[in-house]
Amino acid sequence: NYANLEYIVVDGASADDSARIIEQYRSRISTLISEPDRGHGDAVNKGFAASTGEIMGWINSDDVLLPGALDFVERLFRARPDIEWITGRSSSMDEAGQIGWVGPLRAWSRLRFLCGDNRWIQQESTFWRRSLWERAGGALDLRYSLANDFDLWRRFFRHAEVYSVDRHLGCFRIRSGQRSIKFKSLYEGEMAKILAEELAGIGAVYRAAFDE
C-alpha cells in the first residue's frame, strides 16, 4: 500500500508461469523488462538502470517485503539524511509463507565485515540511497554469479557504515531447489574471494587504525 513506489519487474524471458503471473499485476508495475539476460546480476542491473527513485532495494521472485516496510524505510531516510544504507532484522519463511525463523538485532560494521563475521547481511531487508549506489560503481559485478550482493556490500562499506534497524523489512523464502541453497558452497567460495581481494587492497590509513 505504499504510494510512491517505482516497481520494476525484470524477467529473463522465463518459460514457466512467470509471464502469466506478472500480467495479473501489470497495472501495478511501473516498468516491465522481459528479455534474455546474462544471469541474475545482469537482470538486477537492468532494473536499476531503468529506475529513477532516490531509495533503492530489490527482492528476488521467491522473497517478500513485509507490511509497512516501504513506508518505514522512506520515513527513516527522510528523517536521517546522514544515513546512507540500512538493513533490518533477518527472517525466513517456508514455501507456504509461514515465517519460521527470526534473527536477532545485529551490529554491523566494515571491521566486522572484513573479519568475516558480517557475511549474511540480508539482501531483501537492505535499502540504500542512490548516491551511495553511484559512488560504489552503480552496478552489480557480473564476475560473481551468486555473491554479487556480498560484493555490493563490500563496496558500500568503503563509503559508509550500514545502520541496523530493529524492524523486519523483508523475508527470505526457503524452498526446495533454490539456487542459494543448492549452490551454497559456490556462494561461500565467492564470498571468500571477495573478502581476500578487499583485505589485500585495503588502504594503509584504515589498516593503521586497527594495527597494534
N, C-alpha and C. Protein backbone atom coordinates (compact mmCIF):
# COMPACT_ATOMS: atom_id res chain seq x y z
N ASN A 1 0.81 -1.22 0.00
CA ASN A 1 0.00 0.00 0.00
C ASN A 1 0.84 1.27 0.00
N TYR A 2 2.12 1.18 -0.30
CA TYR A 2 2.97 2.37 -0.35
C TYR A 2 2.78 3.04 -1.71
N ALA A 3 2.45 4.33 -1.68
CA ALA A 3 2.04 5.01 -2.91
C ALA A 3 3.21 5.40 -3.81
N ASN A 4 4.30 5.87 -3.22
CA ASN A 4 5.39 6.46 -4.02
C ASN A 4 6.40 5.39 -4.43
N LEU A 5 5.91 4.36 -5.09
CA LEU A 5 6.72 3.19 -5.42
C LEU A 5 6.95 3.09 -6.91
N GLU A 6 8.21 2.97 -7.29
CA GLU A 6 8.57 2.66 -8.67
C GLU A 6 8.91 1.17 -8.70
N TYR A 7 7.98 0.38 -9.18
CA TYR A 7 8.08 -1.09 -9.10
C TYR A 7 8.48 -1.63 -10.47
N ILE A 8 9.71 -2.10 -10.56
CA ILE A 8 10.27 -2.57 -11.82
C ILE A 8 10.46 -4.08 -11.75
N VAL A 9 9.89 -4.78 -12.68
CA VAL A 9 9.99 -6.24 -12.73
C VAL A 9 10.88 -6.62 -13.90
N VAL A 10 11.90 -7.44 -13.63
CA VAL A 10 12.80 -7.91 -14.68
C VAL A 10 12.71 -9.43 -14.75
N ASP A 11 12.30 -9.93 -15.88
CA ASP A 11 12.13 -11.36 -16.09
C ASP A 11 12.96 -11.77 -17.30
N GLY A 12 13.74 -12.81 -17.15
CA GLY A 12 14.63 -13.24 -18.22
C GLY A 12 13.95 -14.06 -19.29
N ALA A 13 12.78 -13.60 -19.76
CA ALA A 13 12.01 -14.34 -20.78
C ALA A 13 11.75 -15.77 -20.31
N SER A 14 11.26 -15.89 -19.07
CA SER A 14 11.05 -17.21 -18.46
C SER A 14 10.06 -18.04 -19.26
N ALA A 15 10.28 -19.36 -19.26
CA ALA A 15 9.39 -20.29 -19.95
C ALA A 15 8.38 -20.92 -18.99
N ASP A 16 8.41 -20.50 -17.70
CA ASP A 16 7.48 -21.05 -16.72
C ASP A 16 6.23 -20.15 -16.65
N ASP A 17 5.59 -20.09 -15.50
CA ASP A 17 4.36 -19.30 -15.35
C ASP A 17 4.62 -17.83 -15.01
N SER A 18 5.89 -17.40 -15.03
CA SER A 18 6.21 -16.03 -14.61
C SER A 18 5.43 -14.99 -15.41
N ALA A 19 5.40 -15.13 -16.73
CA ALA A 19 4.75 -14.13 -17.57
C ALA A 19 3.26 -14.02 -17.25
N ARG A 20 2.61 -15.14 -17.00
CA ARG A 20 1.18 -15.13 -16.67
C ARG A 20 0.94 -14.43 -15.33
N ILE A 21 1.79 -14.71 -14.35
CA ILE A 21 1.63 -14.10 -13.03
C ILE A 21 1.90 -12.60 -13.10
N ILE A 22 2.97 -12.23 -13.83
CA ILE A 22 3.29 -10.81 -13.98
C ILE A 22 2.13 -10.05 -14.61
N GLU A 23 1.50 -10.65 -15.60
CA GLU A 23 0.41 -9.98 -16.31
C GLU A 23 -0.77 -9.68 -15.37
N GLN A 24 -0.98 -10.52 -14.39
CA GLN A 24 -2.07 -10.30 -13.44
C GLN A 24 -1.89 -9.00 -12.66
N TYR A 25 -0.64 -8.59 -12.49
CA TYR A 25 -0.33 -7.40 -11.70
C TYR A 25 0.22 -6.27 -12.55
N ARG A 26 0.01 -6.34 -13.86
CA ARG A 26 0.65 -5.39 -14.77
C ARG A 26 0.30 -3.94 -14.46
N SER A 27 -0.91 -3.70 -13.99
CA SER A 27 -1.34 -2.32 -13.73
C SER A 27 -0.58 -1.69 -12.56
N ARG A 28 0.05 -2.52 -11.72
CA ARG A 28 0.79 -2.01 -10.56
C ARG A 28 2.28 -1.86 -10.84
N ILE A 29 2.71 -2.29 -12.01
CA ILE A 29 4.13 -2.32 -12.35
C ILE A 29 4.50 -1.09 -13.15
N SER A 30 5.53 -0.38 -12.70
CA SER A 30 5.98 0.82 -13.40
C SER A 30 6.67 0.48 -14.72
N THR A 31 7.55 -0.51 -14.67
CA THR A 31 8.32 -0.91 -15.84
C THR A 31 8.46 -2.43 -15.85
N LEU A 32 8.25 -3.03 -16.99
CA LEU A 32 8.45 -4.48 -17.16
C LEU A 32 9.51 -4.70 -18.21
N ILE A 33 10.55 -5.45 -17.85
CA ILE A 33 11.61 -5.83 -18.78
C ILE A 33 11.59 -7.35 -18.88
N SER A 34 11.26 -7.86 -20.04
CA SER A 34 11.21 -9.31 -20.25
C SER A 34 12.03 -9.65 -21.47
N GLU A 35 13.24 -10.12 -21.24
CA GLU A 35 14.15 -10.45 -22.32
C GLU A 35 15.27 -11.33 -21.78
N PRO A 36 15.95 -12.07 -22.62
CA PRO A 36 17.07 -12.89 -22.14
C PRO A 36 18.14 -12.02 -21.50
N ASP A 37 18.79 -12.55 -20.48
CA ASP A 37 19.86 -11.82 -19.81
C ASP A 37 21.02 -12.76 -19.53
N ARG A 38 22.07 -12.22 -18.96
CA ARG A 38 23.28 -13.00 -18.66
C ARG A 38 23.30 -13.49 -17.23
N GLY A 39 22.13 -13.63 -16.63
CA GLY A 39 22.06 -14.13 -15.27
C GLY A 39 21.46 -13.12 -14.31
N HIS A 40 21.39 -13.52 -13.06
CA HIS A 40 20.73 -12.76 -12.01
C HIS A 40 21.27 -11.33 -11.90
N GLY A 41 22.59 -11.18 -11.82
CA GLY A 41 23.18 -9.86 -11.65
C GLY A 41 22.87 -8.93 -12.82
N ASP A 42 22.89 -9.46 -14.01
CA ASP A 42 22.58 -8.67 -15.21
C ASP A 42 21.14 -8.19 -15.16
N ALA A 43 20.23 -9.05 -14.71
CA ALA A 43 18.82 -8.67 -14.61
C ALA A 43 18.63 -7.54 -13.59
N VAL A 44 19.28 -7.66 -12.45
CA VAL A 44 19.17 -6.61 -11.43
C VAL A 44 19.73 -5.29 -11.95
N ASN A 45 20.85 -5.36 -12.65
CA ASN A 45 21.44 -4.14 -13.22
C ASN A 45 20.49 -3.47 -14.20
N LYS A 46 19.81 -4.26 -15.03
CA LYS A 46 18.85 -3.69 -15.97
C LYS A 46 17.73 -2.97 -15.24
N GLY A 47 17.26 -3.57 -14.16
CA GLY A 47 16.19 -2.95 -13.40
C GLY A 47 16.61 -1.63 -12.79
N PHE A 48 17.77 -1.60 -12.16
CA PHE A 48 18.23 -0.37 -11.53
C PHE A 48 18.56 0.70 -12.57
N ALA A 49 19.04 0.29 -13.74
CA ALA A 49 19.33 1.26 -14.79
C ALA A 49 18.06 1.95 -15.27
N ALA A 50 16.93 1.26 -15.16
CA ALA A 50 15.65 1.83 -15.58
C ALA A 50 14.97 2.63 -14.48
N SER A 51 15.54 2.61 -13.28
CA SER A 51 14.89 3.26 -12.14
C SER A 51 15.32 4.71 -12.00
N THR A 52 14.49 5.47 -11.27
CA THR A 52 14.80 6.88 -11.01
C THR A 52 14.69 7.23 -9.53
N GLY A 53 14.24 6.31 -8.70
CA GLY A 53 13.99 6.60 -7.30
C GLY A 53 15.26 6.93 -6.51
N GLU A 54 15.07 7.66 -5.42
CA GLU A 54 16.20 8.06 -4.58
C GLU A 54 16.58 6.98 -3.58
N ILE A 55 15.65 6.10 -3.23
CA ILE A 55 15.92 4.99 -2.33
C ILE A 55 15.78 3.70 -3.11
N MET A 56 16.74 2.80 -2.96
CA MET A 56 16.80 1.62 -3.80
C MET A 56 16.84 0.34 -2.98
N GLY A 57 16.36 -0.73 -3.56
CA GLY A 57 16.43 -2.06 -2.97
C GLY A 57 15.81 -3.05 -3.94
N TRP A 58 16.06 -4.33 -3.73
CA TRP A 58 15.43 -5.33 -4.62
C TRP A 58 15.10 -6.60 -3.85
N ILE A 59 14.12 -7.31 -4.37
CA ILE A 59 13.82 -8.65 -3.87
C ILE A 59 13.82 -9.61 -5.04
N ASN A 60 14.16 -10.84 -4.79
CA ASN A 60 14.08 -11.88 -5.79
C ASN A 60 12.67 -12.45 -5.81
N SER A 61 12.36 -13.24 -6.82
CA SER A 61 10.97 -13.64 -7.04
C SER A 61 10.41 -14.53 -5.92
N ASP A 62 11.27 -15.19 -5.16
CA ASP A 62 10.78 -16.02 -4.06
C ASP A 62 10.43 -15.21 -2.82
N ASP A 63 11.03 -14.03 -2.67
CA ASP A 63 11.04 -13.34 -1.39
C ASP A 63 9.97 -12.25 -1.31
N VAL A 64 9.79 -11.69 -0.12
CA VAL A 64 8.73 -10.71 0.08
C VAL A 64 9.23 -9.52 0.89
N LEU A 65 8.55 -8.40 0.70
CA LEU A 65 8.66 -7.28 1.62
C LEU A 65 7.51 -7.39 2.60
N LEU A 66 7.75 -7.08 3.85
CA LEU A 66 6.73 -7.24 4.88
C LEU A 66 5.87 -5.98 4.98
N PRO A 67 4.66 -6.10 5.49
CA PRO A 67 3.73 -4.96 5.55
C PRO A 67 4.34 -3.74 6.25
N GLY A 68 4.19 -2.60 5.61
CA GLY A 68 4.67 -1.35 6.18
C GLY A 68 6.14 -1.08 5.98
N ALA A 69 6.86 -1.99 5.33
CA ALA A 69 8.31 -1.85 5.21
C ALA A 69 8.71 -0.61 4.43
N LEU A 70 8.09 -0.39 3.27
CA LEU A 70 8.49 0.72 2.42
C LEU A 70 8.16 2.07 3.05
N ASP A 71 7.03 2.17 3.72
CA ASP A 71 6.67 3.40 4.40
C ASP A 71 7.70 3.71 5.49
N PHE A 72 8.08 2.69 6.25
CA PHE A 72 9.09 2.87 7.30
C PHE A 72 10.42 3.32 6.72
N VAL A 73 10.86 2.66 5.65
CA VAL A 73 12.14 2.99 5.03
C VAL A 73 12.16 4.45 4.56
N GLU A 74 11.06 4.87 3.92
CA GLU A 74 11.01 6.24 3.44
C GLU A 74 11.07 7.24 4.59
N ARG A 75 10.32 6.99 5.65
CA ARG A 75 10.30 7.91 6.79
C ARG A 75 11.67 7.98 7.46
N LEU A 76 12.34 6.85 7.56
CA LEU A 76 13.66 6.83 8.20
C LEU A 76 14.68 7.63 7.39
N PHE A 77 14.73 7.39 6.10
CA PHE A 77 15.71 8.12 5.27
C PHE A 77 15.39 9.62 5.22
N ARG A 78 14.11 9.95 5.26
CA ARG A 78 13.75 11.36 5.26
C ARG A 78 14.18 12.04 6.56
N ALA A 79 14.01 11.33 7.67
CA ALA A 79 14.34 11.90 8.98
C ALA A 79 15.84 11.93 9.26
N ARG A 80 16.58 11.02 8.62
CA ARG A 80 18.01 10.90 8.90
C ARG A 80 18.83 11.04 7.62
N PRO A 81 19.08 12.26 7.17
CA PRO A 81 19.86 12.46 5.93
C PRO A 81 21.30 11.98 6.05
N ASP A 82 21.77 11.71 7.28
CA ASP A 82 23.13 11.22 7.47
C ASP A 82 23.26 9.73 7.18
N ILE A 83 22.16 9.01 7.15
CA ILE A 83 22.18 7.57 6.93
C ILE A 83 22.15 7.27 5.44
N GLU A 84 23.06 6.41 4.97
CA GLU A 84 23.14 6.08 3.54
C GLU A 84 22.65 4.69 3.19
N TRP A 85 22.74 3.75 4.15
CA TRP A 85 22.13 2.44 3.91
C TRP A 85 21.76 1.79 5.22
N ILE A 86 20.72 0.96 5.16
CA ILE A 86 20.19 0.30 6.35
C ILE A 86 19.92 -1.17 6.05
N THR A 87 19.83 -1.95 7.10
CA THR A 87 19.37 -3.33 6.97
C THR A 87 18.51 -3.67 8.18
N GLY A 88 17.43 -4.40 7.96
CA GLY A 88 16.53 -4.77 9.04
C GLY A 88 16.90 -6.11 9.64
N ARG A 89 16.10 -6.54 10.58
CA ARG A 89 16.32 -7.85 11.20
C ARG A 89 15.99 -8.95 10.19
N SER A 90 16.84 -9.96 10.16
CA SER A 90 16.67 -11.07 9.20
C SER A 90 15.52 -11.98 9.61
N SER A 91 14.90 -12.59 8.61
CA SER A 91 13.86 -13.59 8.86
C SER A 91 13.73 -14.47 7.62
N SER A 92 13.09 -15.62 7.80
CA SER A 92 12.85 -16.51 6.67
C SER A 92 11.48 -17.15 6.80
N MET A 93 10.94 -17.60 5.66
CA MET A 93 9.63 -18.24 5.63
C MET A 93 9.70 -19.51 4.78
N ASP A 94 8.68 -20.34 4.93
CA ASP A 94 8.64 -21.56 4.13
C ASP A 94 7.87 -21.30 2.84
N GLU A 95 7.67 -22.35 2.06
CA GLU A 95 7.01 -22.20 0.75
C GLU A 95 5.57 -21.72 0.88
N ALA A 96 4.94 -22.01 2.03
CA ALA A 96 3.55 -21.61 2.25
C ALA A 96 3.44 -20.18 2.78
N GLY A 97 4.59 -19.53 3.02
CA GLY A 97 4.57 -18.16 3.51
C GLY A 97 4.54 -18.03 5.01
N GLN A 98 4.81 -19.12 5.74
CA GLN A 98 4.83 -19.08 7.19
C GLN A 98 6.24 -18.72 7.67
N ILE A 99 6.36 -17.64 8.44
CA ILE A 99 7.66 -17.24 8.96
C ILE A 99 8.11 -18.24 10.03
N GLY A 100 9.30 -18.81 9.80
CA GLY A 100 9.78 -19.86 10.69
C GLY A 100 11.01 -19.48 11.49
N TRP A 101 11.70 -18.43 11.06
CA TRP A 101 12.91 -18.01 11.78
C TRP A 101 13.00 -16.50 11.78
N VAL A 102 13.36 -15.96 12.93
CA VAL A 102 13.54 -14.52 13.08
C VAL A 102 14.89 -14.30 13.74
N GLY A 103 15.76 -13.55 13.08
CA GLY A 103 17.09 -13.32 13.60
C GLY A 103 17.14 -12.20 14.62
N PRO A 104 18.22 -12.13 15.38
CA PRO A 104 18.38 -11.08 16.38
C PRO A 104 18.78 -9.76 15.74
N LEU A 105 18.64 -8.70 16.50
CA LEU A 105 19.16 -7.40 16.06
C LEU A 105 20.68 -7.47 16.15
N ARG A 106 21.36 -7.21 15.03
CA ARG A 106 22.81 -7.37 14.98
C ARG A 106 23.52 -6.05 14.76
N ALA A 107 24.73 -5.97 15.27
CA ALA A 107 25.60 -4.83 14.99
C ALA A 107 26.43 -5.17 13.76
N TRP A 108 26.41 -4.27 12.78
CA TRP A 108 27.17 -4.47 11.55
C TRP A 108 28.22 -3.36 11.43
N SER A 109 29.35 -3.68 10.86
CA SER A 109 30.37 -2.67 10.63
C SER A 109 31.33 -3.17 9.56
N ARG A 110 32.08 -2.25 8.98
CA ARG A 110 33.07 -2.66 7.99
C ARG A 110 34.13 -3.54 8.62
N LEU A 111 34.53 -3.22 9.84
CA LEU A 111 35.55 -4.03 10.50
C LEU A 111 35.07 -5.46 10.70
N ARG A 112 33.83 -5.63 11.17
CA ARG A 112 33.28 -6.97 11.34
C ARG A 112 33.18 -7.68 9.99
N PHE A 113 32.81 -6.93 8.97
CA PHE A 113 32.71 -7.49 7.62
C PHE A 113 34.07 -8.01 7.16
N LEU A 114 35.11 -7.22 7.33
CA LEU A 114 36.45 -7.62 6.91
C LEU A 114 36.98 -8.80 7.71
N CYS A 115 36.51 -8.92 8.96
CA CYS A 115 36.93 -10.06 9.79
C CYS A 115 36.15 -11.34 9.47
N GLY A 116 35.16 -11.23 8.59
CA GLY A 116 34.40 -12.42 8.19
C GLY A 116 33.18 -12.69 9.03
N ASP A 117 32.83 -11.78 9.94
CA ASP A 117 31.68 -12.00 10.81
C ASP A 117 30.38 -11.58 10.12
N ASN A 118 30.37 -10.45 9.44
CA ASN A 118 29.15 -9.92 8.83
C ASN A 118 28.95 -10.46 7.42
N ARG A 119 28.84 -11.77 7.28
CA ARG A 119 28.74 -12.37 5.95
C ARG A 119 27.31 -12.47 5.44
N TRP A 120 26.33 -12.25 6.29
CA TRP A 120 24.97 -12.54 5.89
C TRP A 120 24.04 -11.35 6.10
N ILE A 121 24.42 -10.20 5.53
CA ILE A 121 23.51 -9.06 5.51
C ILE A 121 22.37 -9.42 4.56
N GLN A 122 21.14 -9.47 5.08
CA GLN A 122 20.02 -9.98 4.28
C GLN A 122 19.64 -8.99 3.19
N GLN A 123 19.81 -9.40 1.95
CA GLN A 123 19.64 -8.51 0.80
C GLN A 123 18.21 -7.95 0.70
N GLU A 124 17.20 -8.77 0.92
CA GLU A 124 15.84 -8.29 0.76
C GLU A 124 15.41 -7.36 1.90
N SER A 125 16.23 -7.23 2.95
CA SER A 125 15.94 -6.32 4.06
C SER A 125 16.84 -5.09 4.03
N THR A 126 17.58 -4.88 2.94
CA THR A 126 18.58 -3.82 2.85
C THR A 126 18.18 -2.77 1.82
N PHE A 127 18.32 -1.49 2.20
CA PHE A 127 17.95 -0.37 1.33
C PHE A 127 19.04 0.69 1.42
N TRP A 128 19.19 1.48 0.34
CA TRP A 128 20.26 2.47 0.30
C TRP A 128 19.86 3.66 -0.57
N ARG A 129 20.63 4.74 -0.42
CA ARG A 129 20.42 5.92 -1.24
C ARG A 129 21.07 5.72 -2.62
N ARG A 130 20.45 6.31 -3.63
CA ARG A 130 21.01 6.22 -4.98
C ARG A 130 22.42 6.79 -5.03
N SER A 131 22.68 7.85 -4.27
CA SER A 131 24.01 8.46 -4.27
C SER A 131 25.08 7.48 -3.84
N LEU A 132 24.77 6.60 -2.88
CA LEU A 132 25.73 5.59 -2.44
C LEU A 132 25.93 4.55 -3.54
N TRP A 133 24.85 4.11 -4.16
CA TRP A 133 24.91 3.16 -5.28
C TRP A 133 25.84 3.68 -6.38
N GLU A 134 25.70 4.96 -6.71
CA GLU A 134 26.52 5.53 -7.78
C GLU A 134 27.98 5.65 -7.37
N ARG A 135 28.25 6.02 -6.11
CA ARG A 135 29.63 6.12 -5.65
C ARG A 135 30.30 4.75 -5.59
N ALA A 136 29.50 3.72 -5.40
CA ALA A 136 30.03 2.36 -5.31
C ALA A 136 30.12 1.66 -6.66
N GLY A 137 29.89 2.39 -7.74
CA GLY A 137 30.05 1.81 -9.07
C GLY A 137 28.79 1.73 -9.89
N GLY A 138 27.62 1.78 -9.23
CA GLY A 138 26.35 1.83 -9.95
C GLY A 138 25.96 0.56 -10.68
N ALA A 139 26.46 -0.60 -10.23
CA ALA A 139 26.09 -1.87 -10.87
C ALA A 139 26.59 -3.04 -10.03
N LEU A 140 25.90 -4.17 -10.14
CA LEU A 140 26.43 -5.41 -9.57
C LEU A 140 27.55 -5.90 -10.45
N ASP A 141 28.54 -6.52 -9.83
CA ASP A 141 29.69 -7.04 -10.57
C ASP A 141 29.34 -8.41 -11.15
N LEU A 142 29.34 -8.53 -12.46
CA LEU A 142 28.93 -9.76 -13.13
C LEU A 142 30.00 -10.84 -13.11
N ARG A 143 31.15 -10.55 -12.50
CA ARG A 143 32.14 -11.62 -12.31
C ARG A 143 31.62 -12.67 -11.34
N TYR A 144 30.66 -12.28 -10.51
CA TYR A 144 30.13 -13.19 -9.49
C TYR A 144 28.74 -13.65 -9.90
N SER A 145 28.53 -14.96 -9.90
CA SER A 145 27.24 -15.50 -10.32
C SER A 145 26.23 -15.56 -9.19
N LEU A 146 26.71 -15.56 -7.94
CA LEU A 146 25.81 -15.68 -6.79
C LEU A 146 26.03 -14.58 -5.74
N ALA A 147 27.28 -14.30 -5.41
CA ALA A 147 27.59 -13.40 -4.29
C ALA A 147 27.73 -11.95 -4.73
N ASN A 148 26.98 -11.55 -5.77
CA ASN A 148 27.12 -10.15 -6.19
C ASN A 148 26.50 -9.18 -5.20
N ASP A 149 25.57 -9.65 -4.35
CA ASP A 149 25.09 -8.78 -3.28
C ASP A 149 26.19 -8.57 -2.23
N PHE A 150 26.91 -9.62 -1.90
CA PHE A 150 28.01 -9.52 -0.93
C PHE A 150 29.09 -8.58 -1.44
N ASP A 151 29.37 -8.66 -2.74
CA ASP A 151 30.35 -7.73 -3.33
C ASP A 151 29.85 -6.30 -3.26
N LEU A 152 28.55 -6.09 -3.45
CA LEU A 152 28.00 -4.74 -3.35
C LEU A 152 28.16 -4.20 -1.94
N TRP A 153 27.94 -5.05 -0.94
CA TRP A 153 28.11 -4.59 0.46
C TRP A 153 29.56 -4.16 0.72
N ARG A 154 30.51 -4.91 0.20
CA ARG A 154 31.91 -4.53 0.45
C ARG A 154 32.23 -3.18 -0.18
N ARG A 155 31.63 -2.89 -1.33
CA ARG A 155 31.85 -1.58 -1.96
C ARG A 155 31.11 -0.47 -1.23
N PHE A 156 29.90 -0.77 -0.71
CA PHE A 156 29.19 0.21 0.11
C PHE A 156 30.01 0.57 1.35
N PHE A 157 30.60 -0.44 1.99
CA PHE A 157 31.35 -0.22 3.22
C PHE A 157 32.55 0.71 3.01
N ARG A 158 33.03 0.80 1.80
CA ARG A 158 34.14 1.72 1.53
C ARG A 158 33.72 3.18 1.72
N HIS A 159 32.43 3.44 1.63
CA HIS A 159 31.93 4.80 1.65
C HIS A 159 31.09 5.14 2.89
N ALA A 160 30.44 4.15 3.48
CA ALA A 160 29.53 4.44 4.59
C ALA A 160 29.29 3.18 5.42
N GLU A 161 29.05 3.38 6.71
CA GLU A 161 28.66 2.26 7.57
C GLU A 161 27.16 2.00 7.40
N VAL A 162 26.77 0.75 7.57
CA VAL A 162 25.37 0.38 7.48
C VAL A 162 24.74 0.53 8.86
N TYR A 163 23.49 0.97 8.91
CA TYR A 163 22.73 1.09 10.14
C TYR A 163 21.79 -0.09 10.27
N SER A 164 21.78 -0.72 11.42
CA SER A 164 20.88 -1.84 11.70
C SER A 164 19.62 -1.29 12.36
N VAL A 165 18.45 -1.65 11.81
CA VAL A 165 17.20 -1.16 12.38
C VAL A 165 16.42 -2.32 12.99
N ASP A 166 15.79 -2.05 14.12
CA ASP A 166 15.08 -3.09 14.86
C ASP A 166 13.67 -3.26 14.30
N ARG A 167 13.64 -3.76 13.07
CA ARG A 167 12.36 -3.97 12.39
C ARG A 167 12.56 -5.00 11.29
N HIS A 168 11.51 -5.77 11.02
CA HIS A 168 11.54 -6.74 9.93
C HIS A 168 11.05 -6.04 8.66
N LEU A 169 11.91 -6.00 7.65
CA LEU A 169 11.59 -5.31 6.41
C LEU A 169 11.31 -6.28 5.27
N GLY A 170 12.17 -7.26 5.09
CA GLY A 170 11.99 -8.26 4.05
C GLY A 170 12.13 -9.65 4.64
N CYS A 171 11.69 -10.64 3.89
CA CYS A 171 11.75 -12.02 4.38
C CYS A 171 12.24 -12.94 3.25
N PHE A 172 13.18 -13.81 3.60
CA PHE A 172 13.77 -14.76 2.66
C PHE A 172 12.96 -16.05 2.68
N ARG A 173 12.53 -16.48 1.49
CA ARG A 173 11.73 -17.71 1.40
C ARG A 173 12.63 -18.91 1.13
N ILE A 174 12.44 -19.96 1.90
CA ILE A 174 13.18 -21.22 1.72
C ILE A 174 12.29 -22.21 0.99
N ARG A 175 12.79 -22.71 -0.13
CA ARG A 175 12.03 -23.70 -0.89
C ARG A 175 12.99 -24.71 -1.49
N SER A 176 12.47 -25.84 -1.89
CA SER A 176 13.31 -26.88 -2.47
C SER A 176 13.83 -26.45 -3.84
N GLY A 177 15.09 -26.73 -4.10
CA GLY A 177 15.67 -26.48 -5.41
C GLY A 177 16.18 -25.08 -5.66
N GLN A 178 16.09 -24.18 -4.67
CA GLN A 178 16.51 -22.81 -4.94
C GLN A 178 18.03 -22.70 -5.04
N ARG A 179 18.50 -21.75 -5.86
CA ARG A 179 19.93 -21.60 -6.16
C ARG A 179 20.75 -21.31 -4.91
N SER A 180 20.23 -20.46 -4.03
CA SER A 180 21.01 -20.04 -2.87
C SER A 180 21.32 -21.19 -1.92
N ILE A 181 20.50 -22.23 -1.93
CA ILE A 181 20.77 -23.40 -1.10
C ILE A 181 21.51 -24.47 -1.91
N LYS A 182 21.09 -24.68 -3.12
CA LYS A 182 21.72 -25.69 -3.97
C LYS A 182 23.19 -25.38 -4.22
N PHE A 183 23.50 -24.09 -4.38
CA PHE A 183 24.87 -23.68 -4.68
C PHE A 183 25.50 -22.89 -3.53
N LYS A 184 25.14 -23.27 -2.31
CA LYS A 184 25.64 -22.56 -1.13
C LYS A 184 27.16 -22.56 -1.07
N SER A 185 27.79 -23.67 -1.40
CA SER A 185 29.25 -23.75 -1.34
C SER A 185 29.89 -22.82 -2.37
N LEU A 186 29.27 -22.66 -3.54
CA LEU A 186 29.78 -21.73 -4.55
C LEU A 186 29.65 -20.30 -4.05
N TYR A 187 28.52 -19.97 -3.43
CA TYR A 187 28.33 -18.63 -2.87
C TYR A 187 29.42 -18.34 -1.83
N GLU A 188 29.67 -19.29 -0.96
CA GLU A 188 30.67 -19.09 0.09
C GLU A 188 32.07 -18.97 -0.50
N GLY A 189 32.33 -19.70 -1.58
CA GLY A 189 33.62 -19.57 -2.25
C GLY A 189 33.81 -18.18 -2.85
N GLU A 190 32.74 -17.64 -3.45
CA GLU A 190 32.82 -16.28 -3.98
C GLU A 190 32.98 -15.26 -2.86
N MET A 191 32.31 -15.48 -1.74
CA MET A 191 32.48 -14.58 -0.60
C MET A 191 33.93 -14.56 -0.13
N ALA A 192 34.53 -15.73 -0.03
CA ALA A 192 35.93 -15.81 0.43
C ALA A 192 36.86 -15.07 -0.52
N LYS A 193 36.60 -15.19 -1.82
CA LYS A 193 37.43 -14.49 -2.82
C LYS A 193 37.27 -12.98 -2.69
N ILE A 194 36.04 -12.52 -2.50
CA ILE A 194 35.77 -11.09 -2.36
C ILE A 194 36.45 -10.52 -1.12
N LEU A 195 36.35 -11.25 -0.02
CA LEU A 195 37.00 -10.79 1.21
C LEU A 195 38.51 -10.72 1.06
N ALA A 196 39.08 -11.74 0.41
CA ALA A 196 40.53 -11.75 0.21
C ALA A 196 40.97 -10.56 -0.64
N GLU A 197 40.21 -10.26 -1.70
CA GLU A 197 40.52 -9.11 -2.56
C GLU A 197 40.44 -7.80 -1.76
N GLU A 198 39.42 -7.69 -0.94
CA GLU A 198 39.23 -6.44 -0.19
C GLU A 198 40.34 -6.26 0.85
N LEU A 199 40.69 -7.32 1.52
CA LEU A 199 41.76 -7.24 2.53
C LEU A 199 43.10 -6.91 1.88
N ALA A 200 43.33 -7.47 0.70
CA ALA A 200 44.60 -7.22 0.01
C ALA A 200 44.73 -5.77 -0.44
N GLY A 201 43.60 -5.14 -0.74
CA GLY A 201 43.66 -3.79 -1.26
C GLY A 201 43.26 -2.71 -0.28
N ILE A 202 43.10 -3.07 0.98
CA ILE A 202 42.62 -2.09 1.95
C ILE A 202 43.66 -0.99 2.16
N GLY A 203 43.18 0.22 2.34
CA GLY A 203 44.07 1.36 2.47
C GLY A 203 44.91 1.34 3.72
N ALA A 204 46.10 1.90 3.63
CA ALA A 204 47.04 1.92 4.77
C ALA A 204 46.48 2.70 5.94
N VAL A 205 45.77 3.77 5.67
CA VAL A 205 45.21 4.59 6.76
C VAL A 205 44.19 3.80 7.56
N TYR A 206 43.29 3.10 6.86
CA TYR A 206 42.30 2.29 7.55
C TYR A 206 42.97 1.15 8.32
N ARG A 207 43.93 0.49 7.70
CA ARG A 207 44.62 -0.61 8.36
C ARG A 207 45.36 -0.15 9.61
N ALA A 208 46.01 1.00 9.49
CA ALA A 208 46.80 1.51 10.61
C ALA A 208 45.94 1.82 11.83
N ALA A 209 44.68 2.15 11.60
CA ALA A 209 43.78 2.48 12.71
C ALA A 209 43.52 1.29 13.62
N PHE A 210 43.76 0.06 13.11
CA PHE A 210 43.47 -1.13 13.89
C PHE A 210 44.70 -1.98 14.18
N ASP A 211 45.84 -1.59 13.61
CA ASP A 211 47.08 -2.32 13.88
C ASP A 211 47.58 -1.97 15.28
N GLU A 212 48.09 -2.96 15.95
CA GLU A 212 48.64 -2.72 17.29
C GLU A 212 50.09 -2.25 17.15
